[in-house]
Amino acid sequence: MIPNSISQLKDLEKLDLALNNLSGKFELDIFLKLPHLTWLELSDINLTALATNSTNTTLPKFTVIGLQSCNLGEFPDFLRVQNELEVLFLSYNQIHGQIPLWLWNITKENLLLVSLARNFLTGFEKSPDLIPWQSLILLDLNFNRLQGSLPVPPPSTVNYLVEHNLLSGEISPSICHNSSLCELVLSYNNLNGTIPQCLANSSEAFGVDLVPTIFMALFLRHSRTGSR
């Protein structure tokens, strides 16, 4: 397990314990007492994280948070005040319910990589037409229970992964404004209507499987370099 005494390392800036075979539980609070900590990577260490309710503005400002497979049941509240975050990995947890509105509003300018895959997320507290993370490169929402329409990623997005959910409705044609997109995975949803022309015309699209009114699989890999 992780000793509470780690909170005494006041000058610690980076902590990476990923892929260790630890056991037991740990309090996220012990890391929030480290004022200079910007990198926290605790993914896949066989521990259960006990979330904190702290939203104190004096909390450390993280750039990287990795809490994959930590048995989290909810979004940690301390994320609400993180405005310098670049990487957020919360996949393979037990997070239930909707993606909260406040999550869309954190660190809009800086967030690059986000993975919320393999949780029990059911939708969006307020579904944005356009995901507001302006610098986003990767968004992985695979294997949840998301309902509603498919949000359009920002133009910076390279990888957008949303397979095995319950999304419905049409794919917005505005997704064609994304000049960076190289990987789009929407398989096993309840999407219907027509495929936007930019996707249908791609000579490098493959694995398109249409059932009447339902997209059972849509998988696009498109190298923009090769198409220019």
C-alpha atoms as a PDB file:
ATOM      1  CA  MET A   1       0.000   0.000   0.000  1.00  0.00           C
ATOM      2  CA  ILE A   2       1.001   3.656  -0.261  1.00  0.00           C
ATOM      3  CA  PRO A   3       2.163   5.065   3.098  1.00  0.00           C
ATOM      4  CA  ASN A   4       0.545   8.262   4.383  1.00  0.00           C
ATOM      5  CA  SER A   5       4.025   9.584   5.101  1.00  0.00           C
ATOM      6  CA  ILE A   6       4.393  10.321   1.399  1.00  0.00           C
ATOM      7  CA  SER A   7       2.464  13.523   2.109  1.00  0.00           C
ATOM      8  CA  GLN A   8       5.566  14.819   3.897  1.00  0.00           C
ATOM      9  CA  LEU A   9       7.547  15.043   0.643  1.00  0.00           C
ATOM     10  CA  LYS A  10       6.656  18.693   0.187  1.00  0.00           C
ATOM     11  CA  ASP A  11       9.037  19.277  -2.742  1.00  0.00           C
ATOM     12  CA  LEU A  12       7.827  16.288  -4.769  1.00  0.00           C
ATOM     13  CA  GLU A  13       6.876  17.284  -8.318  1.00  0.00           C
ATOM     14  CA  LYS A  14       6.318  13.958 -10.088  1.00  0.00           C
ATOM     15  CA  LEU A  15       5.062  10.614  -8.788  1.00  0.00           C
ATOM     16  CA  ASP A  16       4.694   7.627 -11.107  1.00  0.00           C
ATOM     17  CA  LEU A  17       3.782   4.291  -9.497  1.00  0.00           C
ATOM     18  CA  ALA A  18       1.940   2.850 -12.497  1.00  0.00           C
ATOM     19  CA  LEU A  19       1.936  -0.887 -13.205  1.00  0.00           C
ATOM     20  CA  ASN A  20       3.113  -1.916  -9.756  1.00  0.00           C
ATOM     21  CA  ASN A  21       1.495  -4.825  -7.936  1.00  0.00           C
ATOM     22  CA  LEU A  22       0.400  -3.111  -4.732  1.00  0.00           C
ATOM     23  CA  SER A  23      -2.694  -3.925  -2.703  1.00  0.00           C
ATOM     24  CA  GLY A  24      -5.183  -2.300  -0.364  1.00  0.00           C
ATOM     25  CA  LYS A  25      -6.630   1.213  -0.381  1.00  0.00           C
ATOM     26  CA  PHE A  26      -5.238   4.717  -0.397  1.00  0.00           C
ATOM     27  CA  GLU A  27      -6.570   8.212   0.269  1.00  0.00           C
ATOM     28  CA  LEU A  28      -6.276  10.663  -2.601  1.00  0.00           C
ATOM     29  CA  ASP A  29      -5.991  13.335   0.081  1.00  0.00           C
ATOM     30  CA  ILE A  30      -2.378  12.436   0.805  1.00  0.00           C
ATOM     31  CA  PHE A  31      -1.342  13.667  -2.642  1.00  0.00           C
ATOM     32  CA  LEU A  32      -3.322  16.885  -2.373  1.00  0.00           C
ATOM     33  CA  LYS A  33      -1.052  18.001   0.460  1.00  0.00           C
ATOM     34  CA  LEU A  34       1.954  18.171  -1.865  1.00  0.00           C
ATOM     35  CA  PRO A  35       1.980  21.767  -3.145  1.00  0.00           C
ATOM     36  CA  HIS A  36       4.435  21.225  -6.015  1.00  0.00           C
ATOM     37  CA  LEU A  37       3.062  17.938  -7.339  1.00  0.00           C
ATOM     38  CA  THR A  38       2.083  18.291 -11.002  1.00  0.00           C
ATOM     39  CA  TRP A  39       2.324  14.696 -12.259  1.00  0.00           C
ATOM     40  CA  LEU A  40       0.350  11.937 -10.529  1.00  0.00           C
ATOM     41  CA  GLU A  41       0.326   8.519 -12.201  1.00  0.00           C
ATOM     42  CA  LEU A  42      -1.250   5.708 -10.183  1.00  0.00           C
ATOM     43  CA  SER A  43      -2.781   3.618 -12.965  1.00  0.00           C
ATOM     44  CA  ASP A  44      -2.970  -0.172 -12.768  1.00  0.00           C
ATOM     45  CA  ILE A  45      -1.425  -0.603  -9.325  1.00  0.00           C
ATOM     46  CA  ASN A  46      -4.133  -2.908  -7.935  1.00  0.00           C
ATOM     47  CA  LEU A  47      -5.229  -0.361  -5.322  1.00  0.00           C
ATOM     48  CA  THR A  48      -8.579   1.242  -4.539  1.00  0.00           C
ATOM     49  CA  ALA A  49      -8.576   5.036  -4.428  1.00  0.00           C
ATOM     50  CA  LEU A  50     -10.725   6.687  -1.758  1.00  0.00           C
ATOM     51  CA  ALA A  51     -11.907   9.927  -3.323  1.00  0.00           C
ATOM     52  CA  THR A  52     -11.799  13.264  -1.556  1.00  0.00           C
ATOM     53  CA  ASN A  53     -14.443  15.989  -1.494  1.00  0.00           C
ATOM     54  CA  SER A  54     -11.881  18.772  -1.343  1.00  0.00           C
ATOM     55  CA  THR A  55     -12.159  21.602  -3.884  1.00  0.00           C
ATOM     56  CA  ASN A  56      -9.826  24.002  -2.106  1.00  0.00           C
ATOM     57  CA  THR A  57      -8.256  26.402  -4.599  1.00  0.00           C
ATOM     58  CA  THR A  58      -4.875  25.942  -2.894  1.00  0.00           C
ATOM     59  CA  LEU A  59      -4.679  22.342  -4.100  1.00  0.00           C
ATOM     60  CA  PRO A  60      -1.718  21.436  -6.330  1.00  0.00           C
ATOM     61  CA  LYS A  61      -2.155  22.239 -10.015  1.00  0.00           C
ATOM     62  CA  PHE A  62      -1.737  19.017 -11.935  1.00  0.00           C
ATOM     63  CA  THR A  63      -0.755  18.671 -15.573  1.00  0.00           C
ATOM     64  CA  VAL A  64      -1.009  14.852 -15.617  1.00  0.00           C
ATOM     65  CA  ILE A  65      -3.455  12.673 -13.677  1.00  0.00           C
ATOM     66  CA  GLY A  66      -3.541   8.921 -14.271  1.00  0.00           C
ATOM     67  CA  LEU A  67      -6.005   6.987 -12.129  1.00  0.00           C
ATOM     68  CA  GLN A  68      -6.873   4.044 -14.357  1.00  0.00           C
ATOM     69  CA  SER A  69      -8.133   0.891 -12.631  1.00  0.00           C
ATOM     70  CA  CYS A  70      -8.347   2.527  -9.199  1.00  0.00           C
ATOM     71  CA  ASN A  71     -11.952   1.438  -8.477  1.00  0.00           C
ATOM     72  CA  LEU A  72     -13.202   5.018  -8.437  1.00  0.00           C
ATOM     73  CA  GLY A  73     -16.994   5.267  -8.200  1.00  0.00           C
ATOM     74  CA  GLU A  74     -17.253   8.964  -9.061  1.00  0.00           C
ATOM     75  CA  PHE A  75     -15.292  11.834 -10.529  1.00  0.00           C
ATOM     76  CA  PRO A  76     -12.923  13.157  -7.844  1.00  0.00           C
ATOM     77  CA  ASP A  77     -14.054  16.605  -6.709  1.00  0.00           C
ATOM     78  CA  PHE A  78     -10.540  18.031  -6.726  1.00  0.00           C
ATOM     79  CA  LEU A  79     -10.694  17.965 -10.534  1.00  0.00           C
ATOM     80  CA  ARG A  80     -13.108  20.911 -10.399  1.00  0.00           C
ATOM     81  CA  VAL A  81     -10.281  23.364  -9.696  1.00  0.00           C
ATOM     82  CA  GLN A  82      -7.690  21.923 -12.067  1.00  0.00           C
ATOM     83  CA  ASN A  83      -7.117  24.570 -14.726  1.00  0.00           C
ATOM     84  CA  GLU A  84      -3.688  23.461 -15.992  1.00  0.00           C
ATOM     85  CA  LEU A  85      -4.497  19.819 -16.709  1.00  0.00           C
ATOM     86  CA  GLU A  86      -3.155  18.331 -19.955  1.00  0.00           C
ATOM     87  CA  VAL A  87      -3.685  14.582 -19.453  1.00  0.00           C
ATOM     88  CA  LEU A  88      -6.606  12.905 -17.643  1.00  0.00           C
ATOM     89  CA  PHE A  89      -6.898   9.111 -17.597  1.00  0.00           C
ATOM     90  CA  LEU A  90      -9.814   7.687 -15.569  1.00  0.00           C
ATOM     91  CA  SER A  91     -10.584   4.569 -17.601  1.00  0.00           C
ATOM     92  CA  TYR A  92     -11.294   1.099 -16.186  1.00  0.00           C
ATOM     93  CA  ASN A  93     -13.042   2.421 -13.078  1.00  0.00           C
ATOM     94  CA  GLN A  94     -16.579   2.146 -11.709  1.00  0.00           C
ATOM     95  CA  ILE A  95     -17.663   5.733 -12.378  1.00  0.00           C
ATOM     96  CA  HIS A  96     -21.449   5.889 -12.741  1.00  0.00           C
ATOM     97  CA  GLY A  97     -23.912   8.488 -13.970  1.00  0.00           C
ATOM     98  CA  GLN A  98     -23.495  11.459 -16.255  1.00  0.00           C
ATOM     99  CA  ILE A  99     -20.367  13.301 -17.278  1.00  0.00           C
ATOM    100  CA  PRO A 100     -20.819  16.463 -15.185  1.00  0.00           C
ATOM    101  CA  LEU A 101     -21.051  19.902 -16.727  1.00  0.00           C
ATOM    102  CA  TRP A 102     -18.104  21.150 -14.683  1.00  0.00           C
ATOM    103  CA  LEU A 103     -15.806  18.601 -16.339  1.00  0.00           C
ATOM    104  CA  TRP A 104     -16.327  20.258 -19.730  1.00  0.00           C
ATOM    105  CA  ASN A 105     -15.372  23.595 -18.208  1.00  0.00           C
ATOM    106  CA  ILE A 106     -12.016  22.685 -16.658  1.00  0.00           C
ATOM    107  CA  THR A 107      -8.798  23.600 -18.428  1.00  0.00           C
ATOM    108  CA  LYS A 108     -10.443  24.258 -21.793  1.00  0.00           C
ATOM    109  CA  GLU A 109      -7.249  25.568 -23.358  1.00  0.00           C
ATOM    110  CA  ASN A 110      -4.768  22.933 -22.130  1.00  0.00           C
ATOM    111  CA  LEU A 111      -6.395  19.503 -22.076  1.00  0.00           C
ATOM    112  CA  LEU A 112      -4.794  17.202 -24.675  1.00  0.00           C
ATOM    113  CA  LEU A 113      -5.536  13.577 -23.771  1.00  0.00           C
ATOM    114  CA  VAL A 114      -8.688  12.295 -22.034  1.00  0.00           C
ATOM    115  CA  SER A 115      -9.717   8.685 -21.437  1.00  0.00           C
ATOM    116  CA  LEU A 116     -12.949   7.834 -19.621  1.00  0.00           C
ATOM    117  CA  ALA A 117     -13.315   4.422 -21.269  1.00  0.00           C
ATOM    118  CA  ARG A 118     -14.775   1.334 -19.587  1.00  0.00           C
ATOM    119  CA  ASN A 119     -16.807   2.992 -16.885  1.00  0.00           C
ATOM    120  CA  PHE A 120     -20.581   3.118 -16.407  1.00  0.00           C
ATOM    121  CA  LEU A 121     -21.219   6.607 -17.755  1.00  0.00           C
ATOM    122  CA  THR A 122     -24.767   7.106 -18.997  1.00  0.00           C
ATOM    123  CA  GLY A 123     -24.670  10.478 -20.703  1.00  0.00           C
ATOM    124  CA  PHE A 124     -23.828  14.144 -20.437  1.00  0.00           C
ATOM    125  CA  GLU A 125     -25.261  16.516 -17.836  1.00  0.00           C
ATOM    126  CA  LYS A 126     -25.530  19.024 -20.657  1.00  0.00           C
ATOM    127  CA  SER A 127     -24.472  17.566 -23.965  1.00  0.00           C
ATOM    128  CA  PRO A 128     -22.326  20.082 -25.856  1.00  0.00           C
ATOM    129  CA  ASP A 129     -22.782  20.411 -29.613  1.00  0.00           C
ATOM    130  CA  LEU A 130     -19.025  20.945 -29.792  1.00  0.00           C
ATOM    131  CA  ILE A 131     -16.692  19.572 -27.126  1.00  0.00           C
ATOM    132  CA  PRO A 132     -15.061  22.716 -25.679  1.00  0.00           C
ATOM    133  CA  TRP A 133     -11.535  21.388 -25.052  1.00  0.00           C
ATOM    134  CA  GLN A 134      -9.778  23.520 -27.651  1.00  0.00           C
ATOM    135  CA  SER A 135      -6.456  21.624 -27.835  1.00  0.00           C
ATOM    136  CA  LEU A 136      -7.813  18.088 -27.519  1.00  0.00           C
ATOM    137  CA  ILE A 137      -5.903  15.342 -29.364  1.00  0.00           C
ATOM    138  CA  LEU A 138      -7.417  12.137 -27.941  1.00  0.00           C
ATOM    139  CA  LEU A 139     -10.850  11.466 -26.438  1.00  0.00           C
ATOM    140  CA  ASP A 140     -11.648   7.866 -25.486  1.00  0.00           C
ATOM    141  CA  LEU A 141     -15.210   7.175 -24.303  1.00  0.00           C
ATOM    142  CA  ASN A 142     -15.332   3.520 -25.391  1.00  0.00           C
ATOM    143  CA  PHE A 143     -17.371   0.904 -23.531  1.00  0.00           C
ATOM    144  CA  ASN A 144     -19.733   3.027 -21.466  1.00  0.00           C
ATOM    145  CA  ARG A 145     -23.519   3.425 -21.567  1.00  0.00           C
ATOM    146  CA  LEU A 146     -23.642   6.908 -23.048  1.00  0.00           C
ATOM    147  CA  GLN A 147     -27.013   8.006 -24.415  1.00  0.00           C
ATOM    148  CA  GLY A 148     -28.041  11.003 -26.467  1.00  0.00           C
ATOM    149  CA  SER A 149     -26.462  12.527 -29.539  1.00  0.00           C
ATOM    150  CA  LEU A 150     -22.805  12.310 -30.524  1.00  0.00           C
ATOM    151  CA  PRO A 151     -20.881  15.452 -29.483  1.00  0.00           C
ATOM    152  CA  VAL A 152     -18.592  16.832 -32.173  1.00  0.00           C
ATOM    153  CA  PRO A 153     -14.911  16.945 -31.185  1.00  0.00           C
ATOM    154  CA  PRO A 154     -12.896  20.155 -31.621  1.00  0.00           C
ATOM    155  CA  PRO A 155     -10.862  20.610 -34.838  1.00  0.00           C
ATOM    156  CA  SER A 156      -7.640  19.646 -33.048  1.00  0.00           C
ATOM    157  CA  THR A 157      -8.814  16.075 -32.347  1.00  0.00           C
ATOM    158  CA  VAL A 158      -6.810  13.239 -33.907  1.00  0.00           C
ATOM    159  CA  ASN A 159      -8.403  10.205 -32.185  1.00  0.00           C
ATOM    160  CA  TYR A 160     -12.095  10.071 -31.218  1.00  0.00           C
ATOM    161  CA  LEU A 161     -13.184   6.717 -29.783  1.00  0.00           C
ATOM    162  CA  VAL A 162     -16.816   6.154 -28.775  1.00  0.00           C
ATOM    163  CA  GLU A 163     -17.596   2.518 -29.593  1.00  0.00           C
ATOM    164  CA  HIS A 164     -19.917   0.292 -27.533  1.00  0.00           C
ATOM    165  CA  ASN A 165     -22.284   2.945 -26.189  1.00  0.00           C
ATOM    166  CA  LEU A 166     -25.968   3.774 -26.673  1.00  0.00           C
ATOM    167  CA  LEU A 167     -25.636   6.993 -28.668  1.00  0.00           C
ATOM    168  CA  SER A 168     -28.444   7.746 -31.106  1.00  0.00           C
ATOM    169  CA  GLY A 169     -29.401  10.206 -33.814  1.00  0.00           C
ATOM    170  CA  GLU A 170     -27.357  11.358 -36.776  1.00  0.00           C
ATOM    171  CA  ILE A 171     -23.677  12.168 -37.065  1.00  0.00           C
ATOM    172  CA  SER A 172     -23.477  15.940 -37.401  1.00  0.00           C
ATOM    173  CA  PRO A 173     -22.043  17.154 -40.736  1.00  0.00           C
ATOM    174  CA  SER A 174     -19.972  19.623 -38.712  1.00  0.00           C
ATOM    175  CA  ILE A 175     -17.599  16.749 -37.945  1.00  0.00           C
ATOM    176  CA  CYS A 176     -16.321  17.381 -41.480  1.00  0.00           C
ATOM    177  CA  HIS A 177     -14.742  20.619 -40.230  1.00  0.00           C
ATOM    178  CA  ASN A 178     -12.208  18.569 -38.312  1.00  0.00           C
ATOM    179  CA  SER A 179      -9.043  18.626 -40.412  1.00  0.00           C
ATOM    180  CA  SER A 180      -6.936  16.663 -37.903  1.00  0.00           C
ATOM    181  CA  LEU A 181      -9.081  13.562 -37.415  1.00  0.00           C
ATOM    182  CA  CYS A 182      -7.204  10.337 -38.171  1.00  0.00           C
ATOM    183  CA  GLU A 183      -9.200   7.793 -36.162  1.00  0.00           C
ATOM    184  CA  LEU A 184     -12.945   7.755 -35.601  1.00  0.00           C
ATOM    185  CA  VAL A 185     -14.512   4.723 -33.926  1.00  0.00           C
ATOM    186  CA  LEU A 186     -18.301   4.728 -33.490  1.00  0.00           C
ATOM    187  CA  SER A 187     -19.142   1.033 -33.769  1.00  0.00           C
ATOM    188  CA  TYR A 188     -21.937  -0.550 -31.704  1.00  0.00           C
ATOM    189  CA  ASN A 189     -24.085   2.500 -31.125  1.00  0.00           C
ATOM    190  CA  ASN A 190     -27.619   3.301 -32.305  1.00  0.00           C
ATOM    191  CA  LEU A 191     -26.692   6.043 -34.751  1.00  0.00           C
ATOM    192  CA  ASN A 192     -28.904   6.491 -37.797  1.00  0.00           C
ATOM    193  CA  GLY A 193     -29.371   8.656 -40.844  1.00  0.00           C
ATOM    194  CA  THR A 194     -26.712   9.231 -43.462  1.00  0.00           C
ATOM    195  CA  ILE A 195     -22.955   9.255 -43.118  1.00  0.00           C
ATOM    196  CA  PRO A 196     -21.564  12.785 -43.586  1.00  0.00           C
ATOM    197  CA  GLN A 197     -20.139  13.180 -47.073  1.00  0.00           C
ATOM    198  CA  CYS A 198     -16.578  13.747 -45.876  1.00  0.00           C
ATOM    199  CA  LEU A 199     -16.569  10.300 -44.257  1.00  0.00           C
ATOM    200  CA  ALA A 200     -18.366   8.535 -47.081  1.00  0.00           C
ATOM    201  CA  ASN A 201     -15.948   9.965 -49.656  1.00  0.00           C
ATOM    202  CA  SER A 202     -12.784   8.997 -47.819  1.00  0.00           C
ATOM    203  CA  SER A 203     -10.832   6.542 -49.949  1.00  0.00           C
ATOM    204  CA  GLU A 204      -9.111   5.226 -46.838  1.00  0.00           C
ATOM    205  CA  ALA A 205     -12.258   4.503 -44.826  1.00  0.00           C
ATOM    206  CA  PHE A 206     -12.892   0.826 -44.177  1.00  0.00           C
ATOM    207  CA  GLY A 207     -14.996  -1.475 -42.033  1.00  0.00           C
ATOM    208  CA  VAL A 208     -18.300   0.312 -42.669  1.00  0.00           C
ATOM    209  CA  ASP A 209     -21.238  -1.925 -41.810  1.00  0.00           C
ATOM    210  CA  LEU A 210     -24.736  -0.477 -42.177  1.00  0.00           C
ATOM    211  CA  VAL A 211     -27.977  -2.056 -41.010  1.00  0.00           C
ATOM    212  CA  PRO A 212     -31.188  -0.235 -42.026  1.00  0.00           C
ATOM    213  CA  THR A 213     -31.397   2.996 -39.973  1.00  0.00           C
ATOM    214  CA  ILE A 214     -28.702   1.792 -37.551  1.00  0.00           C
ATOM    215  CA  PHE A 215     -24.921   2.080 -37.776  1.00  0.00           C
ATOM    216  CA  MET A 216     -23.630  -1.151 -36.304  1.00  0.00           C
ATOM    217  CA  ALA A 217     -20.042  -0.288 -37.129  1.00  0.00           C
ATOM    218  CA  LEU A 218     -18.241   2.734 -38.440  1.00  0.00           C
ATOM    219  CA  PHE A 219     -14.480   2.697 -38.252  1.00  0.00           C
ATOM    220  CA  LEU A 220     -12.397   5.337 -39.960  1.00  0.00           C
ATOM    221  CA  ARG A 221      -8.665   5.686 -40.121  1.00  0.00           C
ATOM    222  CA  HIS A 222      -7.603   8.478 -42.388  1.00  0.00           C
ATOM    223  CA  SER A 223      -4.084   9.754 -42.868  1.00  0.00           C
ATOM    224  CA  ARG A 224      -4.399  13.396 -43.808  1.00  0.00           C
ATOM    225  CA  THR A 225      -0.776  13.373 -44.842  1.00  0.00           C
ATOM    226  CA  GLY A 226      -1.474  10.788 -47.473  1.00  0.00           C
ATOM    227  CA  SER A 227      -4.516  12.624 -48.829  1.00  0.00           C
ATOM    228  CA  ARG A 228      -2.859  15.989 -49.407  1.00  0.00           C
END
